[in-house]
Amino acid sequence: MTLKSLAPGEEIGLENHADTDQFLRVESGKGIVVMGDSEDALDFREEVKAHFAIFIPAGKWHNMANTGEEPMKIYSIYSPVQHPFVTIHETYEDGMEADSHHID
């Protein structure tokens, strides 16, 4: 499980996990989720807010962005595990660098 806080206007970044399902839960804030079969075909688009849950099947391209004026707090559960136990990324850039090594 990972915990994330997206500042207003910030996004997770377009990614794809070939062999990993992902569950997202919005704890606070609001945003938009996009998903699709390729980077150029993100045909799923949904506005989300606190208490929304999103399931991302393995192999789907996806991104989430904070469209609100407050931080968006979310958590992710990966199956199988995506990040080693007790992984902490102090900055967005650190997280993106680490995630670039995890894209399946």
PDB file of N, CA and C in Angstrom:
ATOM      1  N   MET A   1       0.843  -1.161   0.000  1.00  0.00           N
ATOM      2  CA  MET A   1       0.000   0.000   0.000  1.00  0.00           C
ATOM      3  C   MET A   1       0.897   1.234   0.000  1.00  0.00           C
ATOM      4  N   THR A   2       0.489   2.243  -0.755  1.00  0.00           N
ATOM      5  CA  THR A   2       1.195   3.525  -0.756  1.00  0.00           C
ATOM      6  C   THR A   2       0.209   4.636  -0.421  1.00  0.00           C
ATOM      7  N   LEU A   3       0.712   5.674   0.218  1.00  0.00           N
ATOM      8  CA  LEU A   3      -0.072   6.862   0.528  1.00  0.00           C
ATOM      9  C   LEU A   3       0.479   7.997  -0.308  1.00  0.00           C
ATOM     10  N   LYS A   4      -0.417   8.796  -0.896  1.00  0.00           N
ATOM     11  CA  LYS A   4       0.032   9.897  -1.744  1.00  0.00           C
ATOM     12  C   LYS A   4      -0.760  11.144  -1.403  1.00  0.00           C
ATOM     13  N   SER A   5      -0.098  12.276  -1.554  1.00  0.00           N
ATOM     14  CA  SER A   5      -0.745  13.566  -1.409  1.00  0.00           C
ATOM     15  C   SER A   5      -0.399  14.375  -2.649  1.00  0.00           C
ATOM     16  N   LEU A   6      -1.413  14.736  -3.423  1.00  0.00           N
ATOM     17  CA  LEU A   6      -1.213  15.527  -4.629  1.00  0.00           C
ATOM     18  C   LEU A   6      -1.622  16.964  -4.358  1.00  0.00           C
ATOM     19  N   ALA A   7      -0.723  17.896  -4.596  1.00  0.00           N
ATOM     20  CA  ALA A   7      -1.026  19.315  -4.444  1.00  0.00           C
ATOM     21  C   ALA A   7      -1.986  19.743  -5.557  1.00  0.00           C
ATOM     22  N   PRO A   8      -2.704  20.841  -5.382  1.00  0.00           N
ATOM     23  CA  PRO A   8      -3.574  21.329  -6.461  1.00  0.00           C
ATOM     24  C   PRO A   8      -2.807  21.437  -7.778  1.00  0.00           C
ATOM     25  N   GLY A   9      -3.384  20.871  -8.831  1.00  0.00           N
ATOM     26  CA  GLY A   9      -2.758  20.878 -10.148  1.00  0.00           C
ATOM     27  C   GLY A   9      -1.758  19.764 -10.378  1.00  0.00           C
ATOM     28  N   GLU A  10      -1.365  19.046  -9.351  1.00  0.00           N
ATOM     29  CA  GLU A  10      -0.379  17.969  -9.475  1.00  0.00           C
ATOM     30  C   GLU A  10      -1.058  16.684  -9.935  1.00  0.00           C
ATOM     31  N   GLU A  11      -0.299  15.829 -10.593  1.00  0.00           N
ATOM     32  CA  GLU A  11      -0.825  14.541 -11.044  1.00  0.00           C
ATOM     33  C   GLU A  11       0.146  13.435 -10.700  1.00  0.00           C
ATOM     34  N   ILE A  12      -0.367  12.201 -10.725  1.00  0.00           N
ATOM     35  CA  ILE A  12       0.487  11.042 -10.465  1.00  0.00           C
ATOM     36  C   ILE A  12       1.454  10.855 -11.623  1.00  0.00           C
ATOM     37  N   GLY A  13       0.973  11.031 -12.829  1.00  0.00           N
ATOM     38  CA  GLY A  13       1.775  10.804 -14.028  1.00  0.00           C
ATOM     39  C   GLY A  13       1.273   9.561 -14.744  1.00  0.00           C
ATOM     40  N   LEU A  14       1.241   9.615 -16.052  1.00  0.00           N
ATOM     41  CA  LEU A  14       0.748   8.499 -16.853  1.00  0.00           C
ATOM     42  C   LEU A  14       1.636   7.283 -16.638  1.00  0.00           C
ATOM     43  N   GLU A  15       1.019   6.152 -16.293  1.00  0.00           N
ATOM     44  CA  GLU A  15       1.781   4.934 -16.026  1.00  0.00           C
ATOM     45  C   GLU A  15       0.986   3.698 -16.420  1.00  0.00           C
ATOM     46  N   ASN A  16       1.691   2.582 -16.449  1.00  0.00           N
ATOM     47  CA  ASN A  16       1.109   1.298 -16.810  1.00  0.00           C
ATOM     48  C   ASN A  16       1.855   0.213 -16.041  1.00  0.00           C
ATOM     49  N   HIS A  17       1.102  -0.670 -15.389  1.00  0.00           N
ATOM     50  CA  HIS A  17       1.695  -1.801 -14.678  1.00  0.00           C
ATOM     51  C   HIS A  17       1.194  -3.075 -15.373  1.00  0.00           C
ATOM     52  N   ALA A  18       2.045  -3.668 -16.173  1.00  0.00           N
ATOM     53  CA  ALA A  18       1.639  -4.795 -17.022  1.00  0.00           C
ATOM     54  C   ALA A  18       1.100  -5.988 -16.231  1.00  0.00           C
ATOM     55  N   ASP A  19       1.682  -6.260 -15.064  1.00  0.00           N
ATOM     56  CA  ASP A  19       1.310  -7.460 -14.307  1.00  0.00           C
ATOM     57  C   ASP A  19       0.760  -7.146 -12.917  1.00  0.00           C
ATOM     58  N   THR A  20       0.342  -5.893 -12.713  1.00  0.00           N
ATOM     59  CA  THR A  20      -0.081  -5.484 -11.377  1.00  0.00           C
ATOM     60  C   THR A  20      -1.424  -4.771 -11.419  1.00  0.00           C
ATOM     61  N   ASP A  21      -2.404  -5.301 -10.689  1.00  0.00           N
ATOM     62  CA  ASP A  21      -3.671  -4.592 -10.499  1.00  0.00           C
ATOM     63  C   ASP A  21      -3.442  -3.511  -9.454  1.00  0.00           C
ATOM     64  N   GLN A  22      -4.235  -2.432  -9.542  1.00  0.00           N
ATOM     65  CA  GLN A  22      -4.094  -1.337  -8.590  1.00  0.00           C
ATOM     66  C   GLN A  22      -5.485  -0.881  -8.130  1.00  0.00           C
ATOM     67  N   PHE A  23      -5.599  -0.647  -6.834  1.00  0.00           N
ATOM     68  CA  PHE A  23      -6.825  -0.126  -6.224  1.00  0.00           C
ATOM     69  C   PHE A  23      -6.490   1.233  -5.644  1.00  0.00           C
ATOM     70  N   LEU A  24      -7.251   2.266  -6.014  1.00  0.00           N
ATOM     71  CA  LEU A  24      -7.046   3.613  -5.496  1.00  0.00           C
ATOM     72  C   LEU A  24      -8.254   4.020  -4.667  1.00  0.00           C
ATOM     73  N   ARG A  25      -8.012   4.716  -3.562  1.00  0.00           N
ATOM     74  CA  ARG A  25      -9.101   5.246  -2.735  1.00  0.00           C
ATOM     75  C   ARG A  25      -8.791   6.702  -2.443  1.00  0.00           C
ATOM     76  N   VAL A  26      -9.741   7.571  -2.753  1.00  0.00           N
ATOM     77  CA  VAL A  26      -9.593   8.997  -2.479  1.00  0.00           C
ATOM     78  C   VAL A  26     -10.096   9.254  -1.067  1.00  0.00           C
ATOM     79  N   GLU A  27      -9.223   9.732  -0.212  1.00  0.00           N
ATOM     80  CA  GLU A  27      -9.592  10.036   1.168  1.00  0.00           C
ATOM     81  C   GLU A  27     -10.093  11.464   1.303  1.00  0.00           C
ATOM     82  N   SER A  28      -9.480  12.395   0.564  1.00  0.00           N
ATOM     83  CA  SER A  28      -9.930  13.783   0.598  1.00  0.00           C
ATOM     84  C   SER A  28      -9.514  14.474  -0.689  1.00  0.00           C
ATOM     85  N   GLY A  29     -10.210  15.552  -1.000  1.00  0.00           N
ATOM     86  CA  GLY A  29      -9.917  16.305  -2.211  1.00  0.00           C
ATOM     87  C   GLY A  29     -10.755  15.828  -3.383  1.00  0.00           C
ATOM     88  N   LYS A  30     -10.441  16.359  -4.554  1.00  0.00           N
ATOM     89  CA  LYS A  30     -11.151  15.953  -5.762  1.00  0.00           C
ATOM     90  C   LYS A  30     -10.201  15.996  -6.945  1.00  0.00           C
ATOM     91  N   GLY A  31     -10.558  15.220  -7.964  1.00  0.00           N
ATOM     92  CA  GLY A  31      -9.691  15.159  -9.122  1.00  0.00           C
ATOM     93  C   GLY A  31     -10.336  14.444 -10.286  1.00  0.00           C
ATOM     94  N   ILE A  32      -9.494  14.014 -11.185  1.00  0.00           N
ATOM     95  CA  ILE A  32      -9.927  13.309 -12.393  1.00  0.00           C
ATOM     96  C   ILE A  32      -9.042  12.084 -12.581  1.00  0.00           C
ATOM     97  N   VAL A  33      -9.651  10.987 -12.992  1.00  0.00           N
ATOM     98  CA  VAL A  33      -8.933   9.758 -13.320  1.00  0.00           C
ATOM     99  C   VAL A  33      -9.143   9.485 -14.797  1.00  0.00           C
ATOM    100  N   VAL A  34      -8.063   9.158 -15.503  1.00  0.00           N
ATOM    101  CA  VAL A  34      -8.149   8.719 -16.892  1.00  0.00           C
ATOM    102  C   VAL A  34      -7.506   7.345 -16.996  1.00  0.00           C
ATOM    103  N   MET A  35      -8.027   6.553 -17.943  1.00  0.00           N
ATOM    104  CA  MET A  35      -7.545   5.183 -18.098  1.00  0.00           C
ATOM    105  C   MET A  35      -7.845   4.713 -19.516  1.00  0.00           C
ATOM    106  N   GLY A  36      -6.996   3.825 -20.046  1.00  0.00           N
ATOM    107  CA  GLY A  36      -7.249   3.266 -21.362  1.00  0.00           C
ATOM    108  C   GLY A  36      -6.239   2.198 -21.730  1.00  0.00           C
ATOM    109  N   ASP A  37      -6.428   1.647 -22.923  1.00  0.00           N
ATOM    110  CA  ASP A  37      -5.589   0.546 -23.387  1.00  0.00           C
ATOM    111  C   ASP A  37      -4.238   0.986 -23.938  1.00  0.00           C
ATOM    112  N   SER A  38      -4.093   2.280 -24.257  1.00  0.00           N
ATOM    113  CA  SER A  38      -2.808   2.797 -24.732  1.00  0.00           C
ATOM    114  C   SER A  38      -2.674   4.249 -24.298  1.00  0.00           C
ATOM    115  N   GLU A  39      -1.462   4.775 -24.416  1.00  0.00           N
ATOM    116  CA  GLU A  39      -1.215   6.166 -24.034  1.00  0.00           C
ATOM    117  C   GLU A  39      -2.064   7.136 -24.842  1.00  0.00           C
ATOM    118  N   ASP A  40      -2.408   6.737 -26.055  1.00  0.00           N
ATOM    119  CA  ASP A  40      -3.174   7.603 -26.956  1.00  0.00           C
ATOM    120  C   ASP A  40      -4.667   7.316 -26.944  1.00  0.00           C
ATOM    121  N   ALA A  41      -5.109   6.360 -26.134  1.00  0.00           N
ATOM    122  CA  ALA A  41      -6.535   5.994 -26.106  1.00  0.00           C
ATOM    123  C   ALA A  41      -7.026   5.911 -24.660  1.00  0.00           C
ATOM    124  N   LEU A  42      -6.977   7.042 -23.975  1.00  0.00           N
ATOM    125  CA  LEU A  42      -7.446   7.104 -22.586  1.00  0.00           C
ATOM    126  C   LEU A  42      -8.936   7.420 -22.612  1.00  0.00           C
ATOM    127  N   ASP A  43      -9.732   6.396 -22.954  1.00  0.00           N
ATOM    128  CA  ASP A  43     -11.157   6.607 -23.195  1.00  0.00           C
ATOM    129  C   ASP A  43     -12.017   6.598 -21.932  1.00  0.00           C
ATOM    130  N   PHE A  44     -11.433   6.231 -20.780  1.00  0.00           N
ATOM    131  CA  PHE A  44     -12.157   6.306 -19.515  1.00  0.00           C
ATOM    132  C   PHE A  44     -11.740   7.590 -18.823  1.00  0.00           C
ATOM    133  N   ARG A  45     -12.711   8.395 -18.434  1.00  0.00           N
ATOM    134  CA  ARG A  45     -12.445   9.672 -17.756  1.00  0.00           C
ATOM    135  C   ARG A  45     -13.538   9.863 -16.718  1.00  0.00           C
ATOM    136  N   GLU A  46     -13.142  10.024 -15.459  1.00  0.00           N
ATOM    137  CA  GLU A  46     -14.141  10.133 -14.387  1.00  0.00           C
ATOM    138  C   GLU A  46     -13.674  11.138 -13.338  1.00  0.00           C
ATOM    139  N   GLU A  47     -14.570  12.027 -12.944  1.00  0.00           N
ATOM    140  CA  GLU A  47     -14.285  12.921 -11.828  1.00  0.00           C
ATOM    141  C   GLU A  47     -14.456  12.123 -10.542  1.00  0.00           C
ATOM    142  N   VAL A  48     -13.540  12.333  -9.601  1.00  0.00           N
ATOM    143  CA  VAL A  48     -13.566  11.600  -8.333  1.00  0.00           C
ATOM    144  C   VAL A  48     -13.423  12.588  -7.180  1.00  0.00           C
ATOM    145  N   LYS A  49     -13.872  12.153  -6.013  1.00  0.00           N
ATOM    146  CA  LYS A  49     -13.752  12.977  -4.811  1.00  0.00           C
ATOM    147  C   LYS A  49     -13.634  12.047  -3.611  1.00  0.00           C
ATOM    148  N   ALA A  50     -13.602  12.623  -2.415  1.00  0.00           N
ATOM    149  CA  ALA A  50     -13.448  11.845  -1.189  1.00  0.00           C
ATOM    150  C   ALA A  50     -14.408  10.664  -1.166  1.00  0.00           C
ATOM    151  N   HIS A  51     -13.903   9.521  -0.754  1.00  0.00           N
ATOM    152  CA  HIS A  51     -14.627   8.260  -0.587  1.00  0.00           C
ATOM    153  C   HIS A  51     -14.844   7.492  -1.891  1.00  0.00           C
ATOM    154  N   PHE A  52     -14.302   7.969  -3.012  1.00  0.00           N
ATOM    155  CA  PHE A  52     -14.381   7.226  -4.263  1.00  0.00           C
ATOM    156  C   PHE A  52     -13.276   6.161  -4.268  1.00  0.00           C
ATOM    157  N   ALA A  53     -13.564   5.036  -4.899  1.00  0.00           N
ATOM    158  CA  ALA A  53     -12.590   3.962  -5.097  1.00  0.00           C
ATOM    159  C   ALA A  53     -12.490   3.679  -6.594  1.00  0.00           C
ATOM    160  N   ILE A  54     -11.281   3.402  -7.048  1.00  0.00           N
ATOM    161  CA  ILE A  54     -11.032   3.152  -8.465  1.00  0.00           C
ATOM    162  C   ILE A  54     -10.206   1.881  -8.579  1.00  0.00           C
ATOM    163  N   PHE A  55     -10.620   0.970  -9.456  1.00  0.00           N
ATOM    164  CA  PHE A  55      -9.855  -0.241  -9.724  1.00  0.00           C
ATOM    165  C   PHE A  55      -9.206  -0.095 -11.092  1.00  0.00           C
ATOM    166  N   ILE A  56      -7.906  -0.327 -11.161  1.00  0.00           N
ATOM    167  CA  ILE A  56      -7.162  -0.243 -12.416  1.00  0.00           C
ATOM    168  C   ILE A  56      -6.598  -1.622 -12.726  1.00  0.00           C
ATOM    169  N   PRO A  57      -7.153  -2.292 -13.731  1.00  0.00           N
ATOM    170  CA  PRO A  57      -6.649  -3.628 -14.074  1.00  0.00           C
ATOM    171  C   PRO A  57      -5.220  -3.571 -14.618  1.00  0.00           C
ATOM    172  N   ALA A  58      -4.481  -4.617 -14.413  1.00  0.00           N
ATOM    173  CA  ALA A  58      -3.133  -4.731 -14.961  1.00  0.00           C
ATOM    174  C   ALA A  58      -3.182  -4.460 -16.462  1.00  0.00           C
ATOM    175  N   GLY A  59      -2.195  -3.723 -16.948  1.00  0.00           N
ATOM    176  CA  GLY A  59      -2.089  -3.446 -18.372  1.00  0.00           C
ATOM    177  C   GLY A  59      -2.802  -2.192 -18.836  1.00  0.00           C
ATOM    178  N   LYS A  60      -3.559  -1.525 -17.973  1.00  0.00           N
ATOM    179  CA  LYS A  60      -4.258  -0.288 -18.348  1.00  0.00           C
ATOM    180  C   LYS A  60      -3.362   0.920 -18.104  1.00  0.00           C
ATOM    181  N   TRP A  61      -3.264   1.813 -19.066  1.00  0.00           N
ATOM    182  CA  TRP A  61      -2.601   3.096 -18.863  1.00  0.00           C
ATOM    183  C   TRP A  61      -3.520   3.942 -18.004  1.00  0.00           C
ATOM    184  N   HIS A  62      -2.959   4.717 -17.075  1.00  0.00           N
ATOM    185  CA  HIS A  62      -3.800   5.502 -16.180  1.00  0.00           C
ATOM    186  C   HIS A  62      -3.048   6.699 -15.602  1.00  0.00           C
ATOM    187  N   ASN A  63      -3.831   7.661 -15.143  1.00  0.00           N
ATOM    188  CA  ASN A  63      -3.297   8.841 -14.489  1.00  0.00           C
ATOM    189  C   ASN A  63      -4.392   9.411 -13.599  1.00  0.00           C
ATOM    190  N   MET A  64      -3.996  10.115 -12.550  1.00  0.00           N
ATOM    191  CA  MET A  64      -4.928  10.810 -11.673  1.00  0.00           C
ATOM    192  C   MET A  64      -4.354  12.192 -11.419  1.00  0.00           C
ATOM    193  N   ALA A  65      -5.212  13.223 -11.490  1.00  0.00           N
ATOM    194  CA  ALA A  65      -4.778  14.596 -11.263  1.00  0.00           C
ATOM    195  C   ALA A  65      -5.691  15.272 -10.251  1.00  0.00           C
ATOM    196  N   ASN A  66      -5.114  16.137  -9.443  1.00  0.00           N
ATOM    197  CA  ASN A  66      -5.863  16.925  -8.473  1.00  0.00           C
ATOM    198  C   ASN A  66      -6.416  18.146  -9.205  1.00  0.00           C
ATOM    199  N   THR A  67      -7.738  18.261  -9.293  1.00  0.00           N
ATOM    200  CA  THR A  67      -8.380  19.402  -9.937  1.00  0.00           C
ATOM    201  C   THR A  67      -8.949  20.388  -8.914  1.00  0.00           C
ATOM    202  N   GLY A  68      -8.749  20.100  -7.642  1.00  0.00           N
ATOM    203  CA  GLY A  68      -9.297  20.944  -6.587  1.00  0.00           C
ATOM    204  C   GLY A  68      -8.322  22.006  -6.116  1.00  0.00           C
ATOM    205  N   GLU A  69      -8.714  22.682  -5.045  1.00  0.00           N
ATOM    206  CA  GLU A  69      -7.902  23.757  -4.475  1.00  0.00           C
ATOM    207  C   GLU A  69      -7.219  23.336  -3.184  1.00  0.00           C
ATOM    208  N   GLU A  70      -7.416  22.094  -2.781  1.00  0.00           N
ATOM    209  CA  GLU A  70      -6.799  21.555  -1.568  1.00  0.00           C
ATOM    210  C   GLU A  70      -6.014  20.296  -1.933  1.00  0.00           C
ATOM    211  N   PRO A  71      -5.099  19.854  -1.072  1.00  0.00           N
ATOM    212  CA  PRO A  71      -4.378  18.611  -1.350  1.00  0.00           C
ATOM    213  C   PRO A  71      -5.353  17.434  -1.522  1.00  0.00           C
ATOM    214  N   MET A  72      -5.023  16.554  -2.424  1.00  0.00           N
ATOM    215  CA  MET A  72      -5.810  15.343  -2.664  1.00  0.00           C
ATOM    216  C   MET A  72      -5.062  14.194  -2.008  1.00  0.00           C
ATOM    217  N   LYS A  73      -5.671  13.551  -1.034  1.00  0.00           N
ATOM    218  CA  LYS A  73      -5.052  12.447  -0.305  1.00  0.00           C
ATOM    219  C   LYS A  73      -5.626  11.145  -0.848  1.00  0.00           C
ATOM    220  N   ILE A  74      -4.750  10.256  -1.268  1.00  0.00           N
ATOM    221  CA  ILE A  74      -5.186   8.963  -1.816  1.00  0.00           C
ATOM    222  C   ILE A  74      -4.286   7.856  -1.280  1.00  0.00           C
ATOM    223  N   TYR A  75      -4.813   6.642  -1.325  1.00  0.00           N
ATOM    224  CA  TYR A  75      -3.943   5.495  -1.087  1.00  0.00           C
ATOM    225  C   TYR A  75      -4.146   4.490  -2.196  1.00  0.00           C
ATOM    226  N   SER A  76      -3.088   3.729  -2.445  1.00  0.00           N
ATOM    227  CA  SER A  76      -3.053   2.712  -3.487  1.00  0.00           C
ATOM    228  C   SER A  76      -2.695   1.377  -2.886  1.00  0.00           C
ATOM    229  N   ILE A  77      -3.362   0.350  -3.352  1.00  0.00           N
ATOM    230  CA  ILE A  77      -3.000  -1.020  -2.996  1.00  0.00           C
ATOM    231  C   ILE A  77      -2.672  -1.736  -4.297  1.00  0.00           C
ATOM    232  N   TYR A  78      -1.516  -2.362  -4.336  1.00  0.00           N
ATOM    233  CA  TYR A  78      -1.061  -3.088  -5.522  1.00  0.00           C
ATOM    234  C   TYR A  78      -1.098  -4.585  -5.265  1.00  0.00           C
ATOM    235  N   SER A  79      -1.426  -5.328  -6.301  1.00  0.00           N
ATOM    236  CA  SER A  79      -1.399  -6.774  -6.195  1.00  0.00           C
ATOM    237  C   SER A  79      -0.844  -7.349  -7.493  1.00  0.00           C
ATOM    238  N   PRO A  80       0.318  -7.977  -7.456  1.00  0.00           N
ATOM    239  CA  PRO A  80       1.204  -8.158  -6.315  1.00  0.00           C
ATOM    240  C   PRO A  80       1.846  -6.835  -5.898  1.00  0.00           C
ATOM    241  N   VAL A  81       2.615  -6.864  -4.816  1.00  0.00           N
ATOM    242  CA  VAL A  81       3.235  -5.676  -4.233  1.00  0.00           C
ATOM    243  C   VAL A  81       4.075  -4.940  -5.267  1.00  0.00           C
ATOM    244  N   GLN A  82       3.973  -3.611  -5.290  1.00  0.00           N
ATOM    245  CA  GLN A  82       4.705  -2.785  -6.246  1.00  0.00           C
ATOM    246  C   GLN A  82       5.912  -2.089  -5.614  1.00  0.00           C
ATOM    247  N   HIS A  83       5.782  -1.643  -4.368  1.00  0.00           N
ATOM    248  CA  HIS A  83       6.857  -0.913  -3.690  1.00  0.00           C
ATOM    249  C   HIS A  83       7.327  -1.697  -2.468  1.00  0.00           C
ATOM    250  N   PRO A  84       8.629  -1.763  -2.223  1.00  0.00           N
ATOM    251  CA  PRO A  84       9.125  -2.463  -1.031  1.00  0.00           C
ATOM    252  C   PRO A  84       8.572  -1.848   0.256  1.00  0.00           C
ATOM    253  N   PHE A  85       8.442  -2.660   1.289  1.00  0.00           N
ATOM    254  CA  PHE A  85       7.935  -2.236   2.589  1.00  0.00           C
ATOM    255  C   PHE A  85       8.721  -1.029   3.109  1.00  0.00           C
ATOM    256  N   VAL A  86       8.029  -0.054   3.648  1.00  0.00           N
ATOM    257  CA  VAL A  86       8.558   1.163   4.256  1.00  0.00           C
ATOM    258  C   VAL A  86       9.277   2.068   3.241  1.00  0.00           C
ATOM    259  N   THR A  87       8.837   2.083   1.996  1.00  0.00           N
ATOM    260  CA  THR A  87       9.381   3.000   1.003  1.00  0.00           C
ATOM    261  C   THR A  87       8.793   4.384   1.247  1.00  0.00           C
ATOM    262  N   ILE A  88       9.645   5.392   1.321  1.00  0.00           N
ATOM    263  CA  ILE A  88       9.195   6.770   1.500  1.00  0.00           C
ATOM    264  C   ILE A  88       9.878   7.631   0.443  1.00  0.00           C
ATOM    265  N   HIS A  89       9.067   8.381  -0.316  1.00  0.00           N
ATOM    266  CA  HIS A  89       9.596   9.339  -1.283  1.00  0.00           C
ATOM    267  C   HIS A  89       9.312  10.728  -0.726  1.00  0.00           C
ATOM    268  N   GLU A  90      10.343  11.458  -0.413  1.00  0.00           N
ATOM    269  CA  GLU A  90      10.186  12.775   0.211  1.00  0.00           C
ATOM    270  C   GLU A  90       9.610  13.811  -0.750  1.00  0.00           C
ATOM    271  N   THR A  91       9.865  13.650  -2.046  1.00  0.00           N
ATOM    272  CA  THR A  91       9.366  14.621  -3.026  1.00  0.00           C
ATOM    273  C   THR A  91       8.664  13.891  -4.163  1.00  0.00           C
ATOM    274  N   TYR A  92       7.871  14.634  -4.909  1.00  0.00           N
ATOM    275  CA  TYR A  92       7.199  14.116  -6.101  1.00  0.00           C
ATOM    276  C   TYR A  92       8.239  13.577  -7.083  1.00  0.00           C
ATOM    277  N   GLU A  93       9.313  14.329  -7.269  1.00  0.00           N
ATOM    278  CA  GLU A  93      10.358  13.927  -8.214  1.00  0.00           C
ATOM    279  C   GLU A  93      10.985  12.589  -7.815  1.00  0.00           C
ATOM    280  N   ASP A  94      11.231  12.405  -6.512  1.00  0.00           N
ATOM    281  CA  ASP A  94      11.778  11.132  -6.033  1.00  0.00           C
ATOM    282  C   ASP A  94      10.834   9.978  -6.356  1.00  0.00           C
ATOM    283  N   GLY A  95       9.545  10.198  -6.146  1.00  0.00           N
ATOM    284  CA  GLY A  95       8.549   9.168  -6.436  1.00  0.00           C
ATOM    285  C   GLY A  95       8.478   8.836  -7.908  1.00  0.00           C
ATOM    286  N   MET A  96       8.525   9.872  -8.753  1.00  0.00           N
ATOM    287  CA  MET A  96       8.472   9.640 -10.197  1.00  0.00           C
ATOM    288  C   MET A  96       9.715   8.886 -10.663  1.00  0.00           C
ATOM    289  N   GLU A  97      10.864   9.220 -10.119  1.00  0.00           N
ATOM    290  CA  GLU A  97      12.104   8.520 -10.485  1.00  0.00           C
ATOM    291  C   GLU A  97      12.018   7.051 -10.093  1.00  0.00           C
ATOM    292  N   ALA A  98      11.538   6.778  -8.902  1.00  0.00           N
ATOM    293  CA  ALA A  98      11.402   5.392  -8.448  1.00  0.00           C
ATOM    294  C   ALA A  98      10.368   4.647  -9.276  1.00  0.00           C
ATOM    295  N   ASP A  99       9.242   5.297  -9.582  1.00  0.00           N
ATOM    296  CA  ASP A  99       8.189   4.645 -10.372  1.00  0.00           C
ATOM    297  C   ASP A  99       8.656   4.339 -11.785  1.00  0.00           C
ATOM    298  N   SER A 100       9.550   5.174 -12.339  1.00  0.00           N
ATOM    299  CA  SER A 100      10.020   4.923 -13.693  1.00  0.00           C
ATOM    300  C   SER A 100      10.769   3.596 -13.781  1.00  0.00           C
ATOM    301  N   HIS A 101      11.268   3.131 -12.654  1.00  0.00           N
ATOM    302  CA  HIS A 101      11.972   1.843 -12.625  1.00  0.00           C
ATOM    303  C   HIS A 101      11.008   0.684 -12.395  1.00  0.00           C
ATOM    304  N   HIS A 102       9.726   0.986 -12.070  1.00  0.00           N
ATOM    305  CA  HIS A 102       8.744  -0.062 -11.783  1.00  0.00           C
ATOM    306  C   HIS A 102       7.775  -0.320 -12.928  1.00  0.00           C
ATOM    307  N   ILE A 103       7.779   0.503 -13.978  1.00  0.00           N
ATOM    308  CA  ILE A 103       6.842   0.295 -15.078  1.00  0.00           C
ATOM    309  C   ILE A 103       7.141  -1.047 -15.707  1.00  0.00           C
ATOM    310  N   ASP A 104       6.140  -1.899 -15.713  1.00  0.00           N
ATOM    311  CA  ASP A 104       6.317  -3.278 -16.200  1.00  0.00           C
ATOM    312  C   ASP A 104       6.386  -3.306 -17.708  1.00  0.00           C
TER     313      ASP A 104
END
